[in-house]
């Protein structure tokens, strides 16, 4: 066995240190550059994350602005359509309201229209009875907005010299008011032999006077309003 060398003084020599790898021995020369590179990498990563967050935030604001713009455009288009509809339909609406279709029913004007037609056509005396106004229940869906279709039924009796008296009466009355003829029954009247100038026919008709009105609001503490009684007239 070989023995460790001894120094001249008789002491054992200290072991020589192991040499460091060359790249570690030279690291001191590039340490500043490496630290600078690490700092730049950290700053770049932080800047990238911040840019990504700001990009997402900007995209969210852009989408919000686009939705706000689209909503504003939709409202503008809706208002523009409403203005165009008002311009197109207002004259017709005013005409229908003037003629009594829209608004509260005008029974006095109906009676006056009947009297005027009777006088102008020189018709024989007639009689009628008007029932209380009722809301019409439509078979199909019809968008009437805030209005309701309402009807007042009239039972009309006329003595006629001939059939055209009835047709002319209804035609003239249609020019003054809105109503629908539900039914008409015409029967021949018995006349004495040789009698002249009297009625030859009798007509019994049912007319429905229609209006578009807003629902009546019941007063506080009273859930239902009493219906007006039927009226009878004999011009």
Foldseek 3Di string as FASTA:
>chain_A
DDDADADPVRHGDDDDDDDDPPCVVCVVVCVVVVVVVVVVVVVVVVVVVVVVVVVVVVVVVVVVVVVVVVVVVVVVVVVVVVVVCCVVCVVVVVVCVVLQQEADHDVVQLVVQLVVLCVVLVFDWKKKKKAFKDFDDDPDDDDPDQWTKIKIKMKIKGFAQDDVSVVSSVVSSVVRADKDWPDKDKDADDDDPPDPDGGGIMMITMIIGIHIYGDDDDDPPGRDDDTDGMDIDID
